[in-house]
Amino acid sequence: MCSARARRLYTAEKTMKKVLVIDDNPTIVELIKYAVNLQGSYEVIVAYDGVQGLEQVYAHHPDCVIIDVKMPRMDGYQLVRCLRGDARTADTPMIILSAMTREEDQLTGLLSGVDEYLTKPFKPSALNAAIERVLRLTPADRQRRMDELMRSQGEQQQQQQR
């Protein structure tokens, strides 16, 4: 006979959101895991390069993916484009968390299809807020955001040509 506590734990485990963390630095992975679990209770899955991350996405179907940019075998931008290009993963919420802080890097990340671009060092509260935001996005929200980004980039290019 199961105790009430055991049933609650089992139910909570079945309903926990899965967050996949993909970063080639084990120390950063541990910091992200700690930060993610400060605010919410998530099942955290890890991968240490882009290819392994891709495999973990298909094996675990995470609710959110946190991706570094500079990684061996497949960088974060390539991974995002690959996932967005596959109907099975196109709507998976994705956050880039990178040490690359230039505006051009952030724009490249957003244009690759990522939902949020955060920089390292990061605040746990900012990461958790980003996770909550991307988990609420609908495919229509994501498309609208991408359209606005493309329109804005087109306007900037036109102004530069004048």
Foldseek 3Di string as FASTA:
>chain_A
DDDPVRVVVVVCVVPAAEEEEEAQDPVVLVVLVVLQVVVPDHHYHYHRALVRSLVCCVVPVGQEYEAEADGPPHGPLRSLLVQCVDPSRVLRAYEYEYQDDDPVVQLSNVLSQHPYYHYPPDDSVVVNVSSVVSSPDDPVNSVVVNVVSVVVVVVVVVVVVD
